[in-house]
């Protein structure tokens, strides 16, 4: 019975040796059956059949459990790799960034850079430009108001 518990192989590899050894045991008992009462042989055979059935059921359960654990481990690994890839894809700006109060350029690496270039170089952000309504009125007072 210990053989069923210890071997991590397929059902045939786990059940094969005990079945062969039990078959040899039964053949030896049949060969010497004239010296033993008939009930001992029947009891031995029934006990061996019961033990092997229990062992095969246990091995089947164990193989299914190992397969389920392997699938769960694989799914967990895939989720962890996806999370690591997502974490690597996120690029953020941290700390205090010195910005000119007038032209909004950023002081980095001992020179002044446009905010668009600075952010684009350090993140995956892209920019498009437009005018907010307040700046449009301040910068272009003669331009007619936007129609809705």
N, C-alpha and C. Protein backbone atom coordinates (compact mmCIF):
# COMPACT_ATOMS: atom_id res chain seq x y z
N UNK A 1 0.83 -1.20 0.00
CA UNK A 1 0.00 0.00 0.00
C UNK A 1 0.87 1.25 0.00
N UNK A 2 2.03 1.20 0.64
CA UNK A 2 2.92 2.36 0.66
C UNK A 2 3.38 2.74 -0.74
N UNK A 3 3.45 1.75 -1.61
CA UNK A 3 3.88 2.05 -2.97
C UNK A 3 2.92 3.03 -3.63
N UNK A 4 1.61 2.92 -3.33
CA UNK A 4 0.63 3.84 -3.91
C UNK A 4 0.86 5.26 -3.41
N UNK A 5 1.33 5.41 -2.19
CA UNK A 5 1.50 6.73 -1.61
C UNK A 5 2.79 7.41 -2.04
N UNK A 6 3.81 6.63 -2.32
CA UNK A 6 5.14 7.20 -2.51
C UNK A 6 5.49 7.53 -3.95
N UNK A 7 4.95 6.84 -4.90
CA UNK A 7 5.37 7.02 -6.29
C UNK A 7 4.57 8.13 -6.97
N UNK A 8 5.23 9.11 -7.58
CA UNK A 8 4.51 10.19 -8.27
C UNK A 8 4.32 9.93 -9.76
N UNK A 9 4.13 8.70 -10.15
CA UNK A 9 4.04 8.36 -11.57
C UNK A 9 2.59 8.19 -12.00
N UNK A 10 2.40 7.74 -13.23
CA UNK A 10 1.06 7.53 -13.76
C UNK A 10 0.41 6.32 -13.09
N UNK A 11 -0.87 6.17 -13.35
CA UNK A 11 -1.65 5.10 -12.72
C UNK A 11 -1.07 3.73 -13.06
N UNK A 12 -0.70 3.50 -14.30
CA UNK A 12 -0.17 2.20 -14.71
C UNK A 12 1.14 1.91 -13.99
N UNK A 13 2.01 2.91 -13.88
CA UNK A 13 3.29 2.69 -13.22
C UNK A 13 3.12 2.48 -11.72
N UNK A 14 2.11 3.08 -11.12
CA UNK A 14 1.92 2.91 -9.69
C UNK A 14 1.19 1.61 -9.37
N UNK A 15 0.25 1.25 -10.20
CA UNK A 15 -0.55 0.06 -9.91
C UNK A 15 0.14 -1.21 -10.41
N UNK A 16 1.02 -1.10 -11.38
CA UNK A 16 1.65 -2.27 -11.98
C UNK A 16 2.40 -3.16 -11.01
N UNK A 17 3.40 -2.65 -10.28
CA UNK A 17 4.17 -3.53 -9.39
C UNK A 17 3.33 -4.22 -8.31
N UNK A 18 2.43 -3.54 -7.62
CA UNK A 18 1.65 -4.28 -6.63
C UNK A 18 0.76 -5.35 -7.25
N UNK A 19 0.21 -5.08 -8.44
CA UNK A 19 -0.63 -6.08 -9.08
C UNK A 19 0.20 -7.29 -9.46
N UNK A 20 1.39 -7.08 -10.01
CA UNK A 20 2.27 -8.20 -10.38
C UNK A 20 2.67 -8.99 -9.14
N UNK A 21 3.06 -8.30 -8.08
CA UNK A 21 3.46 -8.99 -6.86
C UNK A 21 2.28 -9.75 -6.24
N UNK A 22 1.12 -9.16 -6.28
CA UNK A 22 -0.06 -9.84 -5.75
C UNK A 22 -0.43 -11.05 -6.59
N UNK A 23 -0.27 -10.91 -7.90
CA UNK A 23 -0.54 -12.05 -8.78
C UNK A 23 0.41 -13.20 -8.46
N UNK A 24 1.66 -12.88 -8.26
CA UNK A 24 2.63 -13.91 -7.88
C UNK A 24 2.23 -14.54 -6.55
N UNK A 25 1.78 -13.72 -5.60
CA UNK A 25 1.34 -14.21 -4.31
C UNK A 25 0.16 -15.18 -4.48
N UNK A 26 -0.79 -14.80 -5.35
CA UNK A 26 -1.95 -15.67 -5.57
C UNK A 26 -1.54 -16.98 -6.22
N UNK A 27 -0.64 -16.92 -7.20
CA UNK A 27 -0.16 -18.14 -7.87
C UNK A 27 0.53 -19.04 -6.87
N UNK A 28 1.36 -18.48 -6.02
CA UNK A 28 2.03 -19.29 -5.00
C UNK A 28 1.02 -19.91 -4.04
N UNK A 29 -0.01 -19.14 -3.68
CA UNK A 29 -1.04 -19.69 -2.79
C UNK A 29 -1.81 -20.82 -3.49
N UNK A 30 -2.10 -20.66 -4.80
CA UNK A 30 -2.80 -21.72 -5.54
C UNK A 30 -1.93 -22.97 -5.66
N UNK A 31 -0.65 -22.76 -5.85
CA UNK A 31 0.27 -23.88 -6.02
C UNK A 31 0.33 -24.69 -4.73
N UNK A 32 0.23 -23.99 -3.60
CA UNK A 32 0.31 -24.67 -2.31
C UNK A 32 -1.07 -24.79 -1.67
N UNK A 33 -2.15 -24.73 -2.46
CA UNK A 33 -3.50 -24.69 -1.93
C UNK A 33 -3.89 -25.98 -1.18
N UNK A 34 -3.25 -27.12 -1.52
CA UNK A 34 -3.63 -28.35 -0.84
C UNK A 34 -3.25 -28.34 0.65
N UNK A 35 -2.26 -27.50 1.03
CA UNK A 35 -1.84 -27.43 2.43
C UNK A 35 -2.64 -26.41 3.23
N UNK A 36 -3.42 -25.54 2.56
CA UNK A 36 -4.15 -24.48 3.25
C UNK A 36 -5.65 -24.69 3.13
N UNK A 37 -6.37 -24.26 4.12
CA UNK A 37 -7.83 -24.34 3.98
C UNK A 37 -8.32 -23.41 2.87
N UNK A 38 -9.39 -23.77 2.16
CA UNK A 38 -9.86 -22.98 1.03
C UNK A 38 -10.31 -21.57 1.42
N UNK A 39 -10.83 -21.38 2.60
CA UNK A 39 -11.29 -20.05 2.99
C UNK A 39 -10.13 -19.07 3.12
N UNK A 40 -8.97 -19.52 3.52
CA UNK A 40 -7.81 -18.62 3.62
C UNK A 40 -7.46 -18.04 2.25
N UNK A 41 -7.51 -18.88 1.22
CA UNK A 41 -7.20 -18.39 -0.12
C UNK A 41 -8.24 -17.37 -0.58
N UNK A 42 -9.50 -17.63 -0.38
CA UNK A 42 -10.56 -16.73 -0.79
C UNK A 42 -10.44 -15.41 -0.03
N UNK A 43 -10.19 -15.51 1.26
CA UNK A 43 -10.03 -14.28 2.06
C UNK A 43 -8.81 -13.48 1.59
N UNK A 44 -7.71 -14.20 1.31
CA UNK A 44 -6.53 -13.50 0.82
C UNK A 44 -6.81 -12.81 -0.51
N UNK A 45 -7.48 -13.50 -1.42
CA UNK A 45 -7.78 -12.93 -2.73
C UNK A 45 -8.70 -11.73 -2.60
N UNK A 46 -9.73 -11.85 -1.78
CA UNK A 46 -10.64 -10.73 -1.58
C UNK A 46 -9.93 -9.53 -0.95
N UNK A 47 -9.07 -9.82 0.00
CA UNK A 47 -8.32 -8.73 0.64
C UNK A 47 -7.41 -8.03 -0.37
N UNK A 48 -6.73 -8.82 -1.22
CA UNK A 48 -5.87 -8.22 -2.23
C UNK A 48 -6.67 -7.40 -3.23
N UNK A 49 -7.82 -7.92 -3.64
CA UNK A 49 -8.66 -7.17 -4.58
C UNK A 49 -9.13 -5.87 -3.94
N UNK A 50 -9.56 -5.95 -2.70
CA UNK A 50 -10.00 -4.74 -2.00
C UNK A 50 -8.87 -3.73 -1.87
N UNK A 51 -7.68 -4.18 -1.46
CA UNK A 51 -6.55 -3.26 -1.29
C UNK A 51 -6.15 -2.62 -2.62
N UNK A 52 -6.14 -3.40 -3.67
CA UNK A 52 -5.75 -2.84 -4.96
C UNK A 52 -6.81 -1.89 -5.50
N UNK A 53 -8.05 -2.19 -5.27
CA UNK A 53 -9.11 -1.27 -5.69
C UNK A 53 -8.98 0.05 -4.93
N UNK A 54 -8.77 -0.05 -3.63
CA UNK A 54 -8.59 1.16 -2.83
C UNK A 54 -7.35 1.92 -3.30
N UNK A 55 -6.28 1.20 -3.58
CA UNK A 55 -5.06 1.84 -4.05
C UNK A 55 -5.24 2.51 -5.40
N UNK A 56 -5.94 1.86 -6.31
CA UNK A 56 -6.17 2.45 -7.63
C UNK A 56 -7.06 3.69 -7.51
N UNK A 57 -8.08 3.63 -6.65
CA UNK A 57 -8.92 4.81 -6.43
C UNK A 57 -8.12 5.95 -5.83
N UNK A 58 -7.25 5.63 -4.88
CA UNK A 58 -6.41 6.67 -4.27
C UNK A 58 -5.48 7.28 -5.31
N UNK A 59 -4.87 6.44 -6.13
CA UNK A 59 -3.96 6.94 -7.15
C UNK A 59 -4.70 7.81 -8.15
N UNK A 60 -5.91 7.41 -8.53
CA UNK A 60 -6.71 8.23 -9.46
C UNK A 60 -7.00 9.59 -8.84
N UNK A 61 -7.39 9.59 -7.58
CA UNK A 61 -7.66 10.86 -6.89
C UNK A 61 -6.40 11.71 -6.81
N UNK A 62 -5.27 11.07 -6.51
CA UNK A 62 -4.01 11.81 -6.39
C UNK A 62 -3.59 12.41 -7.72
N UNK A 63 -3.74 11.67 -8.81
CA UNK A 63 -3.37 12.18 -10.13
C UNK A 63 -4.26 13.37 -10.49
N UNK A 64 -5.57 13.26 -10.20
CA UNK A 64 -6.47 14.38 -10.48
C UNK A 64 -6.09 15.60 -9.64
N UNK A 65 -5.75 15.37 -8.37
CA UNK A 65 -5.35 16.48 -7.50
C UNK A 65 -4.06 17.13 -8.00
N UNK A 66 -3.08 16.33 -8.41
CA UNK A 66 -1.83 16.88 -8.92
C UNK A 66 -2.07 17.66 -10.22
N UNK A 67 -2.97 17.17 -11.07
CA UNK A 67 -3.30 17.88 -12.30
C UNK A 67 -3.96 19.22 -11.98
N UNK A 68 -4.89 19.22 -11.02
CA UNK A 68 -5.55 20.46 -10.63
C UNK A 68 -4.56 21.45 -10.01
N UNK A 69 -3.66 20.94 -9.19
CA UNK A 69 -2.64 21.82 -8.59
C UNK A 69 -1.71 22.38 -9.67
N UNK A 70 -1.36 21.54 -10.63
CA UNK A 70 -0.52 22.02 -11.73
C UNK A 70 -1.21 23.10 -12.55
N UNK A 71 -2.51 22.91 -12.81
CA UNK A 71 -3.27 23.93 -13.55
C UNK A 71 -3.36 25.22 -12.74
N UNK A 72 -3.62 25.10 -11.44
CA UNK A 72 -3.71 26.30 -10.60
C UNK A 72 -2.36 27.01 -10.54
N UNK A 73 -1.28 26.25 -10.44
CA UNK A 73 0.04 26.85 -10.40
C UNK A 73 0.32 27.58 -11.72
N UNK A 74 -0.05 26.96 -12.84
CA UNK A 74 0.18 27.57 -14.14
C UNK A 74 -0.64 28.87 -14.28
N UNK A 75 -1.91 28.84 -13.85
CA UNK A 75 -2.74 30.05 -13.92
C UNK A 75 -2.19 31.15 -13.03
N UNK A 76 -1.72 30.78 -11.83
CA UNK A 76 -1.14 31.77 -10.92
C UNK A 76 0.13 32.36 -11.53
N UNK A 77 0.94 31.55 -12.15
CA UNK A 77 2.17 32.03 -12.77
C UNK A 77 1.85 33.00 -13.92
N UNK A 78 0.86 32.63 -14.75
CA UNK A 78 0.47 33.51 -15.85
C UNK A 78 -0.05 34.85 -15.32
N UNK A 79 -0.85 34.81 -14.25
CA UNK A 79 -1.38 36.05 -13.68
C UNK A 79 -0.24 36.91 -13.10
N UNK A 80 0.72 36.26 -12.46
CA UNK A 80 1.86 36.99 -11.90
C UNK A 80 2.69 37.63 -13.02
N UNK A 81 2.92 36.89 -14.10
CA UNK A 81 3.68 37.45 -15.22
C UNK A 81 2.94 38.60 -15.88
N UNK A 82 1.61 38.48 -16.00
CA UNK A 82 0.82 39.58 -16.57
C UNK A 82 0.88 40.81 -15.68
N UNK A 83 0.81 40.60 -14.36
CA UNK A 83 0.89 41.74 -13.43
C UNK A 83 2.27 42.39 -13.50
N UNK A 84 3.32 41.58 -13.58
CA UNK A 84 4.67 42.15 -13.68
C UNK A 84 4.84 42.92 -14.99
N UNK A 85 4.27 42.41 -16.08
CA UNK A 85 4.36 43.11 -17.36
C UNK A 85 3.59 44.43 -17.30
N UNK A 86 2.43 44.42 -16.66
CA UNK A 86 1.66 45.66 -16.52
C UNK A 86 2.40 46.66 -15.64
N UNK A 87 3.01 46.16 -14.57
CA UNK A 87 3.78 47.04 -13.69
C UNK A 87 4.98 47.63 -14.41
N UNK A 88 5.62 46.85 -15.27
CA UNK A 88 6.77 47.35 -16.02
C UNK A 88 6.34 48.37 -17.07
N UNK A 89 5.12 48.23 -17.58
CA UNK A 89 4.64 49.14 -18.62
C UNK A 89 4.26 50.51 -18.06
N UNK A 90 3.96 50.57 -16.78
CA UNK A 90 3.56 51.84 -16.17
C UNK A 90 4.81 52.64 -15.85
N UNK A 91 4.88 53.82 -16.42
CA UNK A 91 6.01 54.72 -16.15
C UNK A 91 5.43 55.98 -15.55
N UNK A 92 5.94 56.38 -14.40
CA UNK A 92 5.38 57.56 -13.73
C UNK A 92 6.49 58.56 -13.43
N UNK A 93 6.07 59.80 -13.27
CA UNK A 93 6.97 60.87 -12.84
C UNK A 93 6.82 61.03 -11.34
N UNK A 94 7.94 61.18 -10.64
CA UNK A 94 7.89 61.32 -9.18
C UNK A 94 8.77 62.48 -8.76
N UNK A 95 8.47 63.02 -7.63
CA UNK A 95 9.28 64.08 -7.06
C UNK A 95 8.81 65.46 -7.47
N UNK A 96 9.62 66.45 -7.17
CA UNK A 96 9.30 67.84 -7.51
C UNK A 96 9.96 68.17 -8.83
N UNK A 97 9.17 68.71 -9.76
CA UNK A 97 9.67 69.06 -11.09
C UNK A 97 9.71 70.59 -11.18
N UNK A 98 10.90 71.18 -11.37
CA UNK A 98 10.99 72.65 -11.47
C UNK A 98 10.45 73.15 -12.81
N UNK A 99 9.41 74.00 -12.76
CA UNK A 99 8.75 74.51 -13.96
C UNK A 99 8.84 76.03 -13.96
N UNK A 100 9.14 76.62 -15.13
CA UNK A 100 9.16 78.07 -15.27
C UNK A 100 7.73 78.59 -15.13
N UNK A 101 7.55 79.62 -14.34
CA UNK A 101 6.21 80.17 -14.09
C UNK A 101 5.65 80.86 -15.32
N UNK A 102 6.50 81.29 -16.23
CA UNK A 102 6.00 82.04 -17.39
C UNK A 102 5.82 81.14 -18.62
N UNK A 103 6.91 80.48 -19.07
CA UNK A 103 6.84 79.70 -20.32
C UNK A 103 6.53 78.22 -20.09
N UNK A 104 6.49 77.78 -18.85
CA UNK A 104 6.17 76.40 -18.46
C UNK A 104 7.20 75.37 -18.93
N UNK A 105 8.44 75.80 -19.20
CA UNK A 105 9.50 74.85 -19.50
C UNK A 105 9.99 74.23 -18.20
N UNK A 106 10.56 73.04 -18.32
CA UNK A 106 11.03 72.30 -17.15
C UNK A 106 12.55 72.33 -17.13
N UNK A 107 13.11 72.58 -15.92
CA UNK A 107 14.56 72.59 -15.76
C UNK A 107 15.00 71.18 -15.38
N UNK A 108 15.68 70.51 -16.33
CA UNK A 108 16.16 69.15 -16.11
C UNK A 108 17.48 68.99 -16.83
N UNK A 109 18.39 68.30 -16.20
CA UNK A 109 19.70 68.01 -16.80
C UNK A 109 20.41 69.30 -17.22
N UNK A 110 20.37 70.30 -16.39
CA UNK A 110 21.05 71.60 -16.55
C UNK A 110 20.62 72.39 -17.79
N UNK A 111 19.45 72.10 -18.33
CA UNK A 111 18.90 72.93 -19.41
C UNK A 111 17.38 72.96 -19.28
N UNK A 112 16.76 73.88 -20.00
CA UNK A 112 15.31 74.05 -19.95
C UNK A 112 14.68 73.36 -21.15
N UNK A 113 13.70 72.51 -20.87
CA UNK A 113 13.06 71.71 -21.90
C UNK A 113 11.56 71.98 -21.88
N UNK A 114 10.95 71.94 -23.05
CA UNK A 114 9.50 72.09 -23.12
C UNK A 114 8.84 70.94 -22.36
N UNK A 115 7.74 71.26 -21.70
CA UNK A 115 7.05 70.27 -20.87
C UNK A 115 6.64 69.05 -21.68
N UNK A 116 6.26 69.25 -22.93
CA UNK A 116 5.85 68.13 -23.77
C UNK A 116 7.00 67.16 -24.01
N UNK A 117 8.20 67.72 -24.30
CA UNK A 117 9.37 66.88 -24.54
C UNK A 117 9.77 66.14 -23.27
N UNK A 118 9.74 66.83 -22.14
CA UNK A 118 10.13 66.23 -20.86
C UNK A 118 9.22 65.06 -20.51
N UNK A 119 7.93 65.27 -20.57
CA UNK A 119 6.98 64.22 -20.20
C UNK A 119 7.02 63.08 -21.22
N UNK A 120 7.10 63.39 -22.50
CA UNK A 120 7.14 62.35 -23.53
C UNK A 120 8.39 61.49 -23.42
N UNK A 121 9.51 62.07 -23.02
CA UNK A 121 10.75 61.31 -22.89
C UNK A 121 10.72 60.37 -21.69
N UNK A 122 9.92 60.69 -20.67
CA UNK A 122 9.93 59.90 -19.44
C UNK A 122 8.70 59.04 -19.22
N UNK A 123 7.68 59.21 -20.05
CA UNK A 123 6.46 58.40 -19.96
C UNK A 123 6.00 58.03 -21.36
N UNK A 124 4.90 57.33 -21.42
CA UNK A 124 4.32 56.97 -22.71
C UNK A 124 3.22 57.94 -23.13
N UNK A 125 3.12 59.08 -22.45
CA UNK A 125 2.08 60.06 -22.76
C UNK A 125 2.41 60.80 -24.06
N UNK A 126 1.35 61.15 -24.79
CA UNK A 126 1.49 61.96 -25.98
C UNK A 126 0.61 63.20 -25.81
N UNK A 127 0.96 64.28 -26.49
CA UNK A 127 0.27 65.55 -26.32
C UNK A 127 -0.42 65.98 -27.60
N UNK A 128 -1.52 66.70 -27.42
CA UNK A 128 -2.15 67.44 -28.50
C UNK A 128 -2.44 68.82 -27.92
N UNK A 129 -2.49 69.84 -28.75
CA UNK A 129 -2.64 71.20 -28.25
C UNK A 129 -3.96 71.82 -28.69
N UNK A 130 -4.45 72.69 -27.86
CA UNK A 130 -5.67 73.43 -28.14
C UNK A 130 -5.70 74.65 -27.23
N UNK A 131 -6.77 75.39 -27.27
CA UNK A 131 -6.93 76.57 -26.41
C UNK A 131 -8.15 76.38 -25.53
N UNK A 132 -7.96 76.66 -24.25
CA UNK A 132 -9.12 76.64 -23.36
C UNK A 132 -9.90 77.94 -23.60
N UNK A 133 -11.16 78.01 -23.23
CA UNK A 133 -11.97 79.21 -23.50
C UNK A 133 -11.39 80.48 -22.86
N UNK A 134 -10.82 80.39 -21.68
CA UNK A 134 -10.26 81.58 -21.03
C UNK A 134 -9.05 82.10 -21.80
N UNK A 135 -8.15 81.24 -22.19
CA UNK A 135 -6.97 81.67 -22.96
C UNK A 135 -7.35 82.17 -24.34
N UNK A 136 -8.37 81.60 -24.95
CA UNK A 136 -8.81 82.06 -26.26
C UNK A 136 -9.28 83.53 -26.18
N UNK A 137 -10.03 83.84 -25.14
CA UNK A 137 -10.50 85.22 -24.97
C UNK A 137 -9.32 86.14 -24.65
N UNK A 138 -8.37 85.69 -23.80
CA UNK A 138 -7.21 86.52 -23.44
C UNK A 138 -6.27 86.73 -24.62
N UNK A 139 -6.00 85.70 -25.38
CA UNK A 139 -5.03 85.78 -26.47
C UNK A 139 -5.63 86.30 -27.78
N UNK A 140 -6.88 86.00 -28.05
CA UNK A 140 -7.54 86.40 -29.29
C UNK A 140 -8.88 87.09 -28.96
N UNK A 141 -8.82 88.32 -28.47
CA UNK A 141 -10.07 88.98 -28.07
C UNK A 141 -10.97 89.31 -29.25
N UNK A 142 -10.43 89.47 -30.45
CA UNK A 142 -11.23 89.81 -31.61
C UNK A 142 -11.89 88.59 -32.27
N UNK A 143 -11.45 87.40 -31.90
CA UNK A 143 -11.99 86.19 -32.48
C UNK A 143 -13.38 85.94 -31.93
N UNK A 144 -14.34 85.61 -32.80
CA UNK A 144 -15.72 85.44 -32.31
C UNK A 144 -15.82 84.26 -31.36
N UNK A 145 -16.76 84.29 -30.41
CA UNK A 145 -16.91 83.19 -29.46
C UNK A 145 -17.30 81.89 -30.17
N UNK A 146 -16.91 80.78 -29.56
CA UNK A 146 -17.20 79.46 -30.15
C UNK A 146 -18.69 79.18 -30.05
N UNK A 147 -19.24 78.66 -31.13
CA UNK A 147 -20.67 78.30 -31.11
C UNK A 147 -20.81 76.86 -30.64
N UNK A 148 -21.85 76.62 -29.94
CA UNK A 148 -22.08 75.28 -29.39
C UNK A 148 -22.80 74.43 -30.35
